[in-house]
C-alpha atoms as a PDB file:
ATOM      1  CA  UNK A   1      -0.090  -0.343   0.593  1.00  0.00           C
ATOM      2  CA  UNK A   2       1.149   3.444  -0.902  1.00  0.00           C
ATOM      3  CA  UNK A   3       1.757   5.913   1.981  1.00  0.00           C
ATOM      4  CA  UNK A   4      -0.223   8.282   0.086  1.00  0.00           C
ATOM      5  CA  UNK A   5      -2.995   5.050   0.357  1.00  0.00           C
ATOM      6  CA  UNK A   6      -1.856   5.010   4.022  1.00  0.00           C
ATOM      7  CA  UNK A   7      -2.072   8.882   4.708  1.00  0.00           C
ATOM      8  CA  UNK A   8      -5.748   9.500   2.772  1.00  0.00           C
ATOM      9  CA  UNK A   9      -7.370   6.639   4.695  1.00  0.00           C
ATOM     10  CA  UNK A  10      -6.440   8.809   8.268  1.00  0.00           C
ATOM     11  CA  UNK A  11      -7.634  11.900   6.576  1.00  0.00           C
ATOM     12  CA  UNK A  12     -11.139   9.975   5.887  1.00  0.00           C
ATOM     13  CA  UNK A  13     -11.654   8.735   9.397  1.00  0.00           C
ATOM     14  CA  UNK A  14     -10.519  12.213  11.302  1.00  0.00           C
ATOM     15  CA  UNK A  15     -12.334  14.332   9.140  1.00  0.00           C
ATOM     16  CA  UNK A  16     -15.717  11.351   9.949  1.00  0.00           C
ATOM     17  CA  UNK A  17     -15.540  11.959  13.274  1.00  0.00           C
ATOM     18  CA  UNK A  18     -14.640  15.712  13.304  1.00  0.00           C
ATOM     19  CA  UNK A  19     -16.504  18.139  15.767  1.00  0.00           C
ATOM     20  CA  UNK A  20     -17.178  21.886  14.983  1.00  0.00           C
ATOM     21  CA  UNK A  21     -14.528  24.337  17.124  1.00  0.00           C
ATOM     22  CA  UNK A  22     -15.598  25.919  19.758  1.00  0.00           C
ATOM     23  CA  UNK A  23     -15.234  29.830  20.143  1.00  0.00           C
ATOM     24  CA  UNK A  24     -12.499  29.456  23.013  1.00  0.00           C
ATOM     25  CA  UNK A  25     -10.616  26.958  20.693  1.00  0.00           C
ATOM     26  CA  UNK A  26      -9.827  29.442  17.163  1.00  0.00           C
ATOM     27  CA  UNK A  27      -6.682  29.005  16.516  1.00  0.00           C
ATOM     28  CA  UNK A  28      -3.938  31.643  16.251  1.00  0.00           C
ATOM     29  CA  UNK A  29      -2.946  33.995  13.253  1.00  0.00           C
ATOM     30  CA  UNK A  30      -0.453  32.870  11.289  1.00  0.00           C
ATOM     31  CA  UNK A  31      -0.575  34.140   7.747  1.00  0.00           C
ATOM     32  CA  UNK A  32       1.385  31.593   4.961  1.00  0.00           C
ATOM     33  CA  UNK A  33       4.567  33.548   4.822  1.00  0.00           C
ATOM     34  CA  UNK A  34       5.647  36.360   6.485  1.00  0.00           C
ATOM     35  CA  UNK A  35       4.553  39.669   5.130  1.00  0.00           C
ATOM     36  CA  UNK A  36       1.822  38.313   3.056  1.00  0.00           C
ATOM     37  CA  UNK A  37      -1.743  38.626   2.488  1.00  0.00           C
ATOM     38  CA  UNK A  38      -4.166  35.656   2.578  1.00  0.00           C
ATOM     39  CA  UNK A  39      -6.883  33.918   1.421  1.00  0.00           C
ATOM     40  CA  UNK A  40      -9.049  30.778   2.764  1.00  0.00           C
ATOM     41  CA  UNK A  41     -10.694  27.898   1.036  1.00  0.00           C
ATOM     42  CA  UNK A  42     -12.200  24.523   2.180  1.00  0.00           C
ATOM     43  CA  UNK A  43     -10.522  22.274  -0.623  1.00  0.00           C
ATOM     44  CA  UNK A  44     -11.570  18.454  -1.072  1.00  0.00           C
ATOM     45  CA  UNK A  45     -11.847  15.995   2.141  1.00  0.00           C
ATOM     46  CA  UNK A  46     -11.740  19.182   4.057  1.00  0.00           C
ATOM     47  CA  UNK A  47      -8.045  20.706   3.547  1.00  0.00           C
ATOM     48  CA  UNK A  48      -7.845  23.788   4.700  1.00  0.00           C
ATOM     49  CA  UNK A  49      -6.324  25.948   1.413  1.00  0.00           C
ATOM     50  CA  UNK A  50      -4.275  29.185   2.761  1.00  0.00           C
ATOM     51  CA  UNK A  51      -3.489  31.638  -0.242  1.00  0.00           C
ATOM     52  CA  UNK A  52      -0.871  34.262  -0.113  1.00  0.00           C
ATOM     53  CA  UNK A  53       0.330  36.770  -2.316  1.00  0.00           C
ATOM     54  CA  UNK A  54       3.753  34.584  -3.070  1.00  0.00           C
ATOM     55  CA  UNK A  55       3.332  31.186  -1.776  1.00  0.00           C
ATOM     56  CA  UNK A  56       0.560  28.309  -0.636  1.00  0.00           C
ATOM     57  CA  UNK A  57       0.403  26.224   2.299  1.00  0.00           C
ATOM     58  CA  UNK A  58      -2.212  23.126   2.982  1.00  0.00           C
ATOM     59  CA  UNK A  59      -3.116  21.903   6.623  1.00  0.00           C
ATOM     60  CA  UNK A  60      -5.819  18.516   7.836  1.00  0.00           C
ATOM     61  CA  UNK A  61      -8.313  19.495  10.256  1.00  0.00           C
ATOM     62  CA  UNK A  62      -7.309  18.615  13.636  1.00  0.00           C
ATOM     63  CA  UNK A  63     -10.814  16.483  15.527  1.00  0.00           C
ATOM     64  CA  UNK A  64      -9.161  15.199  18.683  1.00  0.00           C
ATOM     65  CA  UNK A  65     -10.295  15.620  22.541  1.00  0.00           C
ATOM     66  CA  UNK A  66      -9.716  15.450  25.499  1.00  0.00           C
ATOM     67  CA  UNK A  67     -10.774  11.841  25.675  1.00  0.00           C
ATOM     68  CA  UNK A  68      -8.922  10.576  23.255  1.00  0.00           C
ATOM     69  CA  UNK A  69      -5.700  11.924  24.729  1.00  0.00           C
ATOM     70  CA  UNK A  70      -5.850  10.272  28.022  1.00  0.00           C
ATOM     71  CA  UNK A  71      -7.308   7.320  26.271  1.00  0.00           C
ATOM     72  CA  UNK A  72      -3.459   7.786  24.286  1.00  0.00           C
ATOM     73  CA  UNK A  73      -1.510   8.309  27.849  1.00  0.00           C
ATOM     74  CA  UNK A  74      -3.306   5.118  28.835  1.00  0.00           C
ATOM     75  CA  UNK A  75      -1.970   2.934  25.890  1.00  0.00           C
ATOM     76  CA  UNK A  76       1.580   4.659  26.644  1.00  0.00           C
ATOM     77  CA  UNK A  77       1.686   4.316  30.553  1.00  0.00           C
ATOM     78  CA  UNK A  78      -0.001   0.555  30.596  1.00  0.00           C
ATOM     79  CA  UNK A  79       3.603  -0.277  28.364  1.00  0.00           C
ATOM     80  CA  UNK A  80       5.966   1.089  30.960  1.00  0.00           C
ATOM     81  CA  UNK A  81       3.727  -1.000  33.153  1.00  0.00           C
ATOM     82  CA  UNK A  82       4.589  -4.033  30.961  1.00  0.00           C
ATOM     83  CA  UNK A  83       8.196  -2.759  30.060  1.00  0.00           C
ATOM     84  CA  UNK A  84       8.904  -2.469  34.073  1.00  0.00           C
ATOM     85  CA  UNK A  85      11.846  -0.506  35.586  1.00  0.00           C
ATOM     86  CA  UNK A  86      14.371  -1.588  33.341  1.00  0.00           C
ATOM     87  CA  UNK A  87      13.236   0.232  30.086  1.00  0.00           C
ATOM     88  CA  UNK A  88      12.161   4.040  29.753  1.00  0.00           C
ATOM     89  CA  UNK A  89       9.257   5.123  28.141  1.00  0.00           C
ATOM     90  CA  UNK A  90       8.494   8.497  26.511  1.00  0.00           C
ATOM     91  CA  UNK A  91       5.967  10.235  25.137  1.00  0.00           C
ATOM     92  CA  UNK A  92       6.118  12.927  22.163  1.00  0.00           C
ATOM     93  CA  UNK A  93       3.087  13.524  20.981  1.00  0.00           C
ATOM     94  CA  UNK A  94       3.482  15.595  17.555  1.00  0.00           C
ATOM     95  CA  UNK A  95       1.507  18.898  16.386  1.00  0.00           C
ATOM     96  CA  UNK A  96       0.596  18.888  12.860  1.00  0.00           C
ATOM     97  CA  UNK A  97       0.547  22.093  10.974  1.00  0.00           C
ATOM     98  CA  UNK A  98      -2.773  23.720  11.343  1.00  0.00           C
ATOM     99  CA  UNK A  99      -2.185  23.810  14.788  1.00  0.00           C
ATOM    100  CA  UNK A 100       0.574  26.946  14.050  1.00  0.00           C
ATOM    101  CA  UNK A 101      -0.581  28.018   9.859  1.00  0.00           C
ATOM    102  CA  UNK A 102      -4.294  27.915  10.607  1.00  0.00           C
ATOM    103  CA  UNK A 103      -5.652  31.574   9.293  1.00  0.00           C
ATOM    104  CA  UNK A 104      -8.412  32.534  12.360  1.00  0.00           C
ATOM    105  CA  UNK A 105     -10.524  32.527   9.398  1.00  0.00           C
ATOM    106  CA  UNK A 106     -10.308  28.876   9.274  1.00  0.00           C
ATOM    107  CA  UNK A 107     -10.533  28.549  13.011  1.00  0.00           C
ATOM    108  CA  UNK A 108     -13.445  26.989  12.738  1.00  0.00           C
ATOM    109  CA  UNK A 109     -12.433  24.035  11.036  1.00  0.00           C
ATOM    110  CA  UNK A 110     -10.223  22.642  13.179  1.00  0.00           C
ATOM    111  CA  UNK A 111      -9.587  21.809  16.588  1.00  0.00           C
ATOM    112  CA  UNK A 112      -7.060  23.284  19.141  1.00  0.00           C
ATOM    113  CA  UNK A 113      -4.550  20.602  19.346  1.00  0.00           C
ATOM    114  CA  UNK A 114      -2.641  22.266  22.997  1.00  0.00           C
ATOM    115  CA  UNK A 115      -5.605  21.357  25.193  1.00  0.00           C
ATOM    116  CA  UNK A 116      -5.404  17.450  24.410  1.00  0.00           C
ATOM    117  CA  UNK A 117      -2.133  17.420  24.621  1.00  0.00           C
ATOM    118  CA  UNK A 118      -2.041  19.405  28.040  1.00  0.00           C
ATOM    119  CA  UNK A 119      -4.691  16.242  29.015  1.00  0.00           C
ATOM    120  CA  UNK A 120      -2.292  14.003  27.562  1.00  0.00           C
ATOM    121  CA  UNK A 121       0.493  15.095  29.006  1.00  0.00           C
ATOM    122  CA  UNK A 122      -1.863  15.151  32.511  1.00  0.00           C
ATOM    123  CA  UNK A 123      -2.829  11.775  32.467  1.00  0.00           C
ATOM    124  CA  UNK A 124       0.636   9.992  31.973  1.00  0.00           C
ATOM    125  CA  UNK A 125       2.069   7.868  34.642  1.00  0.00           C
ATOM    126  CA  UNK A 126       4.521   9.656  36.770  1.00  0.00           C
ATOM    127  CA  UNK A 127       7.380   6.638  35.926  1.00  0.00           C
ATOM    128  CA  UNK A 128       6.885   7.339  31.865  1.00  0.00           C
ATOM    129  CA  UNK A 129       8.361  10.398  30.532  1.00  0.00           C
ATOM    130  CA  UNK A 130       6.732  13.467  29.016  1.00  0.00           C
ATOM    131  CA  UNK A 131       8.719  14.860  25.869  1.00  0.00           C
ATOM    132  CA  UNK A 132       6.886  18.055  25.559  1.00  0.00           C
ATOM    133  CA  UNK A 133       7.915  19.461  21.931  1.00  0.00           C
ATOM    134  CA  UNK A 134       4.984  22.172  21.628  1.00  0.00           C
ATOM    135  CA  UNK A 135       7.286  24.920  22.446  1.00  0.00           C
ATOM    136  CA  UNK A 136      10.299  24.387  21.158  1.00  0.00           C
ATOM    137  CA  UNK A 137       8.413  24.074  17.384  1.00  0.00           C
ATOM    138  CA  UNK A 138       6.480  27.165  17.940  1.00  0.00           C
ATOM    139  CA  UNK A 139       9.578  29.181  18.457  1.00  0.00           C
ATOM    140  CA  UNK A 140      10.446  28.028  15.084  1.00  0.00           C
ATOM    141  CA  UNK A 141       7.691  28.497  13.402  1.00  0.00           C
ATOM    142  CA  UNK A 142       8.919  31.040  11.143  1.00  0.00           C
ATOM    143  CA  UNK A 143      10.635  28.360   9.427  1.00  0.00           C
ATOM    144  CA  UNK A 144      10.597  25.282   7.257  1.00  0.00           C
ATOM    145  CA  UNK A 145       9.311  22.868   9.674  1.00  0.00           C
ATOM    146  CA  UNK A 146       6.495  21.844   8.495  1.00  0.00           C
ATOM    147  CA  UNK A 147       5.216  20.644   5.017  1.00  0.00           C
ATOM    148  CA  UNK A 148       3.153  23.137   2.881  1.00  0.00           C
ATOM    149  CA  UNK A 149       2.365  20.893  -0.058  1.00  0.00           C
ATOM    150  CA  UNK A 150       2.949  17.607   1.979  1.00  0.00           C
ATOM    151  CA  UNK A 151       0.867  16.156   5.261  1.00  0.00           C
ATOM    152  CA  UNK A 152       4.088  15.676   7.181  1.00  0.00           C
ATOM    153  CA  UNK A 153       6.455  17.966   9.375  1.00  0.00           C
ATOM    154  CA  UNK A 154       9.535  18.594   7.765  1.00  0.00           C
ATOM    155  CA  UNK A 155      13.238  17.108   8.046  1.00  0.00           C
ATOM    156  CA  UNK A 156      13.584  20.068  10.047  1.00  0.00           C
ATOM    157  CA  UNK A 157      11.115  19.926  12.245  1.00  0.00           C
ATOM    158  CA  UNK A 158      12.382  16.854  13.048  1.00  0.00           C
ATOM    159  CA  UNK A 159      15.189  17.720  14.278  1.00  0.00           C
ATOM    160  CA  UNK A 160      14.327  20.067  16.818  1.00  0.00           C
ATOM    161  CA  UNK A 161      11.523  17.401  18.259  1.00  0.00           C
ATOM    162  CA  UNK A 162      14.934  14.988  18.317  1.00  0.00           C
ATOM    163  CA  UNK A 163      16.911  17.412  20.203  1.00  0.00           C
ATOM    164  CA  UNK A 164      14.436  17.476  23.156  1.00  0.00           C
ATOM    165  CA  UNK A 165      13.592  13.718  22.997  1.00  0.00           C
ATOM    166  CA  UNK A 166      18.034  13.530  23.287  1.00  0.00           C
ATOM    167  CA  UNK A 167      17.881  15.745  26.279  1.00  0.00           C
ATOM    168  CA  UNK A 168      15.151  14.043  27.563  1.00  0.00           C
ATOM    169  CA  UNK A 169      17.229  11.209  27.510  1.00  0.00           C
ATOM    170  CA  UNK A 170      20.590  12.246  28.937  1.00  0.00           C
ATOM    171  CA  UNK A 171      21.815  11.354  25.984  1.00  0.00           C
ATOM    172  CA  UNK A 172      24.492  13.589  23.463  1.00  0.00           C
ATOM    173  CA  UNK A 173      23.151  14.994  20.245  1.00  0.00           C
ATOM    174  CA  UNK A 174      25.158  16.232  17.315  1.00  0.00           C
ATOM    175  CA  UNK A 175      24.129  20.169  16.054  1.00  0.00           C
ATOM    176  CA  UNK A 176      22.599  20.434  12.174  1.00  0.00           C
ATOM    177  CA  UNK A 177      26.377  21.982  11.791  1.00  0.00           C
ATOM    178  CA  UNK A 178      26.966  18.345  11.858  1.00  0.00           C
ATOM    179  CA  UNK A 179      24.802  17.158   9.061  1.00  0.00           C
ATOM    180  CA  UNK A 180      24.975  17.579   5.111  1.00  0.00           C
ATOM    181  CA  UNK A 181      21.851  19.103   3.602  1.00  0.00           C
ATOM    182  CA  UNK A 182      20.239  17.734   0.799  1.00  0.00           C
ATOM    183  CA  UNK A 183      17.705  18.912  -1.079  1.00  0.00           C
ATOM    184  CA  UNK A 184      15.273  17.468  -3.214  1.00  0.00           C
ATOM    185  CA  UNK A 185      13.476  20.553  -5.653  1.00  0.00           C
ATOM    186  CA  UNK A 186      10.448  21.637  -6.994  1.00  0.00           C
ATOM    187  CA  UNK A 187       8.409  18.507  -4.603  1.00  0.00           C
ATOM    188  CA  UNK A 188       4.694  19.041  -4.735  1.00  0.00           C
ATOM    189  CA  UNK A 189       3.579  16.120  -1.849  1.00  0.00           C
ATOM    190  CA  UNK A 190       1.049  14.558  -0.823  1.00  0.00           C
ATOM    191  CA  UNK A 191      -1.676  17.778  -0.093  1.00  0.00           C
ATOM    192  CA  UNK A 192      -2.642  18.194  -3.911  1.00  0.00           C
ATOM    193  CA  UNK A 193      -3.124  14.444  -3.866  1.00  0.00           C
ATOM    194  CA  UNK A 194      -5.623  14.906  -1.467  1.00  0.00           C
ATOM    195  CA  UNK A 195      -6.809  18.357  -1.983  1.00  0.00           C
ATOM    196  CA  UNK A 196      -6.719  18.336  -5.874  1.00  0.00           C
ATOM    197  CA  UNK A 197      -6.468  21.627  -5.180  1.00  0.00           C
ATOM    198  CA  UNK A 198      -4.628  23.509  -8.348  1.00  0.00           C
ATOM    199  CA  UNK A 199      -2.878  26.108  -6.675  1.00  0.00           C
ATOM    200  CA  UNK A 200      -1.145  23.125  -4.104  1.00  0.00           C
ATOM    201  CA  UNK A 201       0.428  21.766  -7.467  1.00  0.00           C
ATOM    202  CA  UNK A 202       1.498  25.141  -8.646  1.00  0.00           C
ATOM    203  CA  UNK A 203       3.536  25.999  -5.517  1.00  0.00           C
ATOM    204  CA  UNK A 204       6.473  23.286  -5.352  1.00  0.00           C
ATOM    205  CA  UNK A 205       9.146  24.143  -2.527  1.00  0.00           C
ATOM    206  CA  UNK A 206      12.345  22.702  -1.842  1.00  0.00           C
ATOM    207  CA  UNK A 207      12.243  19.361   0.511  1.00  0.00           C
ATOM    208  CA  UNK A 208      15.244  19.828   2.684  1.00  0.00           C
ATOM    209  CA  UNK A 209      16.380  17.024   4.871  1.00  0.00           C
ATOM    210  CA  UNK A 210      19.740  15.920   6.606  1.00  0.00           C
ATOM    211  CA  UNK A 211      22.424  13.437   6.775  1.00  0.00           C
ATOM    212  CA  UNK A 212      25.085  12.508   9.319  1.00  0.00           C
ATOM    213  CA  UNK A 213      28.482  12.884   9.126  1.00  0.00           C
ATOM    214  CA  UNK A 214      31.166  11.240  11.510  1.00  0.00           C
ATOM    215  CA  UNK A 215      29.769   8.733  12.770  1.00  0.00           C
ATOM    216  CA  UNK A 216      29.023   5.014  11.850  1.00  0.00           C
ATOM    217  CA  UNK A 217      25.527   3.309  10.973  1.00  0.00           C
ATOM    218  CA  UNK A 218      23.790   0.377   9.391  1.00  0.00           C
ATOM    219  CA  UNK A 219      20.621  -0.595   8.677  1.00  0.00           C
ATOM    220  CA  UNK A 220      18.598  -3.366   8.507  1.00  0.00           C
ATOM    221  CA  UNK A 221      15.102  -3.155   6.798  1.00  0.00           C
ATOM    222  CA  UNK A 222      12.479  -6.582   7.929  1.00  0.00           C
ATOM    223  CA  UNK A 223       9.764  -5.590   4.515  1.00  0.00           C
ATOM    224  CA  UNK A 224       6.219  -6.457   4.896  1.00  0.00           C
ATOM    225  CA  UNK A 225       3.631  -7.484   1.785  1.00  0.00           C
ATOM    226  CA  UNK A 226       0.284  -6.481   2.151  1.00  0.00           C
ATOM    227  CA  UNK A 227      -2.886  -8.410   0.819  1.00  0.00           C
ATOM    228  CA  UNK A 228      -6.712  -7.242   1.592  1.00  0.00           C
ATOM    229  CA  UNK A 229      -7.613  -4.802   4.116  1.00  0.00           C
ATOM    230  CA  UNK A 230      -4.176  -3.931   4.623  1.00  0.00           C
ATOM    231  CA  UNK A 231      -3.039  -6.668   6.661  1.00  0.00           C
ATOM    232  CA  UNK A 232       0.368  -7.713   6.459  1.00  0.00           C
ATOM    233  CA  UNK A 233       0.522 -11.386   4.878  1.00  0.00           C
ATOM    234  CA  UNK A 234       4.363 -12.146   4.621  1.00  0.00           C
ATOM    235  CA  UNK A 235       7.355 -10.939   6.055  1.00  0.00           C
ATOM    236  CA  UNK A 236      10.650 -10.918   4.414  1.00  0.00           C
ATOM    237  CA  UNK A 237      13.959 -12.465   5.800  1.00  0.00           C
ATOM    238  CA  UNK A 238      16.118  -9.236   6.793  1.00  0.00           C
ATOM    239  CA  UNK A 239      18.420  -7.625   4.959  1.00  0.00           C
ATOM    240  CA  UNK A 240      20.956  -4.899   4.547  1.00  0.00           C
ATOM    241  CA  UNK A 241      19.902  -1.394   2.562  1.00  0.00           C
ATOM    242  CA  UNK A 242      20.409   2.225   2.913  1.00  0.00           C
ATOM    243  CA  UNK A 243      18.376   4.494   5.702  1.00  0.00           C
ATOM    244  CA  UNK A 244      18.498   7.504   3.323  1.00  0.00           C
ATOM    245  CA  UNK A 245      16.920   6.464  -0.402  1.00  0.00           C
ATOM    246  CA  UNK A 246      17.273   9.764  -2.814  1.00  0.00           C
ATOM    247  CA  UNK A 247      15.224  10.670  -4.931  1.00  0.00           C
ATOM    248  CA  UNK A 248      14.858  13.340  -7.514  1.00  0.00           C
ATOM    249  CA  UNK A 249      13.793  15.934  -7.515  1.00  0.00           C
ATOM    250  CA  UNK A 250      10.008  17.063  -8.392  1.00  0.00           C
ATOM    251  CA  UNK A 251       8.929  13.078  -6.961  1.00  0.00           C
ATOM    252  CA  UNK A 252       5.849  13.254  -5.053  1.00  0.00           C
ATOM    253  CA  UNK A 253       7.219  10.961  -2.253  1.00  0.00           C
ATOM    254  CA  UNK A 254      10.495  12.520  -1.108  1.00  0.00           C
ATOM    255  CA  UNK A 255       9.328  11.839   2.474  1.00  0.00           C
ATOM    256  CA  UNK A 256      10.124   8.743   1.674  1.00  0.00           C
ATOM    257  CA  UNK A 257      13.873   9.648   2.339  1.00  0.00           C
ATOM    258  CA  UNK A 258      13.957   7.997   5.253  1.00  0.00           C
ATOM    259  CA  UNK A 259      13.664   4.149   4.961  1.00  0.00           C
ATOM    260  CA  UNK A 260      11.554   4.526   1.752  1.00  0.00           C
ATOM    261  CA  UNK A 261       8.618   4.578   3.615  1.00  0.00           C
ATOM    262  CA  UNK A 262       6.642   2.958   6.549  1.00  0.00           C
ATOM    263  CA  UNK A 263       6.443  -0.934   5.389  1.00  0.00           C
ATOM    264  CA  UNK A 264       9.377  -2.452   7.370  1.00  0.00           C
ATOM    265  CA  UNK A 265      10.539  -2.423  10.813  1.00  0.00           C
ATOM    266  CA  UNK A 266      14.501  -0.879  11.174  1.00  0.00           C
ATOM    267  CA  UNK A 267      17.497  -1.887  13.047  1.00  0.00           C
ATOM    268  CA  UNK A 268      20.202   0.707  12.490  1.00  0.00           C
ATOM    269  CA  UNK A 269      23.715  -0.488  14.137  1.00  0.00           C
ATOM    270  CA  UNK A 270      25.483   3.223  15.206  1.00  0.00           C
ATOM    271  CA  UNK A 271      29.409   3.327  16.340  1.00  0.00           C
ATOM    272  CA  UNK A 272      28.353   5.292  19.831  1.00  0.00           C
ATOM    273  CA  UNK A 273      29.242   2.718  21.538  1.00  0.00           C
ATOM    274  CA  UNK A 274      26.764   3.912  25.205  1.00  0.00           C
ATOM    275  CA  UNK A 275      25.094   0.324  25.232  1.00  0.00           C
ATOM    276  CA  UNK A 276      21.345   2.503  24.593  1.00  0.00           C
ATOM    277  CA  UNK A 277      19.141   1.207  22.052  1.00  0.00           C
ATOM    278  CA  UNK A 278      16.336   2.231  21.714  1.00  0.00           C
ATOM    279  CA  UNK A 279      13.007   1.682  20.204  1.00  0.00           C
ATOM    280  CA  UNK A 280      10.825   3.898  17.646  1.00  0.00           C
ATOM    281  CA  UNK A 281       7.356   3.338  18.284  1.00  0.00           C
ATOM    282  CA  UNK A 282       5.538   5.515  15.844  1.00  0.00           C
ATOM    283  CA  UNK A 283       3.601   6.157  12.243  1.00  0.00           C
ATOM    284  CA  UNK A 284       5.411   7.913   9.554  1.00  0.00           C
ATOM    285  CA  UNK A 285       6.064  11.111  11.411  1.00  0.00           C
ATOM    286  CA  UNK A 286       8.616   9.162  13.447  1.00  0.00           C
ATOM    287  CA  UNK A 287      10.260   8.228  10.136  1.00  0.00           C
ATOM    288  CA  UNK A 288      12.128  11.472  10.270  1.00  0.00           C
ATOM    289  CA  UNK A 289      13.971  11.617  13.714  1.00  0.00           C
ATOM    290  CA  UNK A 290      16.089   8.186  13.788  1.00  0.00           C
ATOM    291  CA  UNK A 291      18.237  10.031  11.067  1.00  0.00           C
ATOM    292  CA  UNK A 292      19.510  12.919  14.310  1.00  0.00           C
ATOM    293  CA  UNK A 293      19.955  10.607  16.315  1.00  0.00           C
ATOM    294  CA  UNK A 294      22.648   7.921  15.374  1.00  0.00           C
ATOM    295  CA  UNK A 295      24.987   9.769  17.740  1.00  0.00           C
ATOM    296  CA  UNK A 296      22.556   9.387  20.396  1.00  0.00           C
ATOM    297  CA  UNK A 297      22.541   5.630  20.217  1.00  0.00           C
ATOM    298  CA  UNK A 298      23.927   2.117  20.409  1.00  0.00           C
ATOM    299  CA  UNK A 299      20.983   0.355  18.644  1.00  0.00           C
ATOM    300  CA  UNK A 300      17.807   2.037  16.914  1.00  0.00           C
ATOM    301  CA  UNK A 301      14.768  -0.202  16.180  1.00  0.00           C
ATOM    302  CA  UNK A 302      11.707   1.914  14.167  1.00  0.00           C
ATOM    303  CA  UNK A 303       8.134   0.035  14.450  1.00  0.00           C
ATOM    304  CA  UNK A 304       5.476   1.565  12.978  1.00  0.00           C
ATOM    305  CA  UNK A 305       2.815   0.236  15.113  1.00  0.00           C
ATOM    306  CA  UNK A 306       0.734  -0.433  12.106  1.00  0.00           C
ATOM    307  CA  UNK A 307       2.614  -3.542  10.410  1.00  0.00           C
ATOM    308  CA  UNK A 308       4.663  -4.684  13.451  1.00  0.00           C
ATOM    309  CA  UNK A 309       3.750  -8.424  13.666  1.00  0.00           C
ATOM    310  CA  UNK A 310       5.541  -9.708  16.651  1.00  0.00           C
ATOM    311  CA  UNK A 311       4.704  -9.343  20.507  1.00  0.00           C
ATOM    312  CA  UNK A 312       6.096  -5.886  21.816  1.00  0.00           C
ATOM    313  CA  UNK A 313       7.653  -7.295  25.330  1.00  0.00           C
ATOM    314  CA  UNK A 314       8.933 -10.009  23.845  1.00  0.00           C
ATOM    315  CA  UNK A 315      11.102  -7.804  20.740  1.00  0.00           C
ATOM    316  CA  UNK A 316      11.859  -5.484  23.636  1.00  0.00           C
ATOM    317  CA  UNK A 317      13.129  -7.924  25.347  1.00  0.00           C
ATOM    318  CA  UNK A 318      14.967 -10.255  22.696  1.00  0.00           C
ATOM    319  CA  UNK A 319      16.906  -7.158  21.467  1.00  0.00           C
ATOM    320  CA  UNK A 320      17.333  -5.322  25.120  1.00  0.00           C
ATOM    321  CA  UNK A 321      16.447  -2.599  24.817  1.00  0.00           C
ATOM    322  CA  UNK A 322      16.971   0.685  26.739  1.00  0.00           C
ATOM    323  CA  UNK A 323      14.827   3.350  25.875  1.00  0.00           C
ATOM    324  CA  UNK A 324      11.283   3.024  24.448  1.00  0.00           C
ATOM    325  CA  UNK A 325       9.680   6.231  22.580  1.00  0.00           C
ATOM    326  CA  UNK A 326       6.383   6.981  21.208  1.00  0.00           C
ATOM    327  CA  UNK A 327       6.820   9.329  18.457  1.00  0.00           C
ATOM    328  CA  UNK A 328       2.751  10.045  17.142  1.00  0.00           C
ATOM    329  CA  UNK A 329       1.681  12.892  15.529  1.00  0.00           C
ATOM    330  CA  UNK A 330      -1.659  13.977  17.353  1.00  0.00           C
ATOM    331  CA  UNK A 331      -4.522  13.283  14.600  1.00  0.00           C
ATOM    332  CA  UNK A 332      -3.026   9.624  15.086  1.00  0.00           C
ATOM    333  CA  UNK A 333      -2.301   9.462  19.237  1.00  0.00           C
ATOM    334  CA  UNK A 334      -6.157  10.749  19.407  1.00  0.00           C
ATOM    335  CA  UNK A 335      -7.682   7.503  16.994  1.00  0.00           C
ATOM    336  CA  UNK A 336      -9.147   4.578  19.009  1.00  0.00           C
ATOM    337  CA  UNK A 337      -7.474   2.359  16.335  1.00  0.00           C
ATOM    338  CA  UNK A 338      -4.506   4.010  16.936  1.00  0.00           C
ATOM    339  CA  UNK A 339      -4.828   3.150  20.987  1.00  0.00           C
ATOM    340  CA  UNK A 340      -6.185  -0.703  20.058  1.00  0.00           C
ATOM    341  CA  UNK A 341      -3.587  -1.571  17.513  1.00  0.00           C
ATOM    342  CA  UNK A 342      -0.800  -0.546  19.934  1.00  0.00           C
ATOM    343  CA  UNK A 343      -3.043  -2.999  22.632  1.00  0.00           C
ATOM    344  CA  UNK A 344      -3.142  -5.675  20.376  1.00  0.00           C
ATOM    345  CA  UNK A 345       0.799  -5.831  20.274  1.00  0.00           C
ATOM    346  CA  UNK A 346       1.243  -6.237  24.075  1.00  0.00           C
ATOM    347  CA  UNK A 347      -1.472  -9.765  23.943  1.00  0.00           C
ATOM    348  CA  UNK A 348       0.695 -10.862  20.105  1.00  0.00           C
END
């Protein structure tokens, strides 16, 4: 199944549950670009299109609420209880672009994410480490931390979030100056496919990502094959593969630079020798995180909760994992299907 079809299914699920925002939950007045005057319209599938003098931004509306945030926290708490004191568990819910860039005139089309995050954090067990990236992303919202034409954040946003996590985990972290920046020009991502808005297609951006220097690493992929109902029907034998996948200018799948997408579990061995072994439990937002943590952990295991076929507790024990990070965007964190899938991994 393609990344676009998976994301489209998520949008349909969230929009079907979307309530109207109340007056006290209006979004902050952010322009598409600083100094632009903007117009706003609602496109196919409820996508919010903010068009300025020079560029366009497309955003998914958010429909979560305090109860759904609390339910996600309970899932995280259950993992900590199951994994025990020897494994540190971190919870890092990731805001989506609409939280920072939705114009006031479209504020009734989306709910605010911050109150839901606060409810989520308030219901985490004391033994779970909260990683609150809301403030640091807001502080850098004038930079290219979210894609304008794709439903994902941009790699720069993931960098700031990874830095917050490394600080909480007490691990080393390399400055962005220790990375090589690479570009995919003329990028138009998934939001044109979802919205079919011609202005999105006519407003390409540069997809910038960062490849670490000064650390050796190798990646092993365990690929999944899907059948009907998007269920895993075959798990392939592990094989070596490049962590970063190059895409040519103009390719709409540039976000798949990281591990080629979601349909695999990935293990990264690094030259960092500190005995720390991390599992990232994630949706596609989490794909952009591991490359910033090669200086921080000896091993990094990347597990997409939608496709993983093993018992997660056994996997953690078999691989002597020391740290587990939940890294889901706020829309996924608030879906009942996400909660059910995570609970299922504990009982496989």
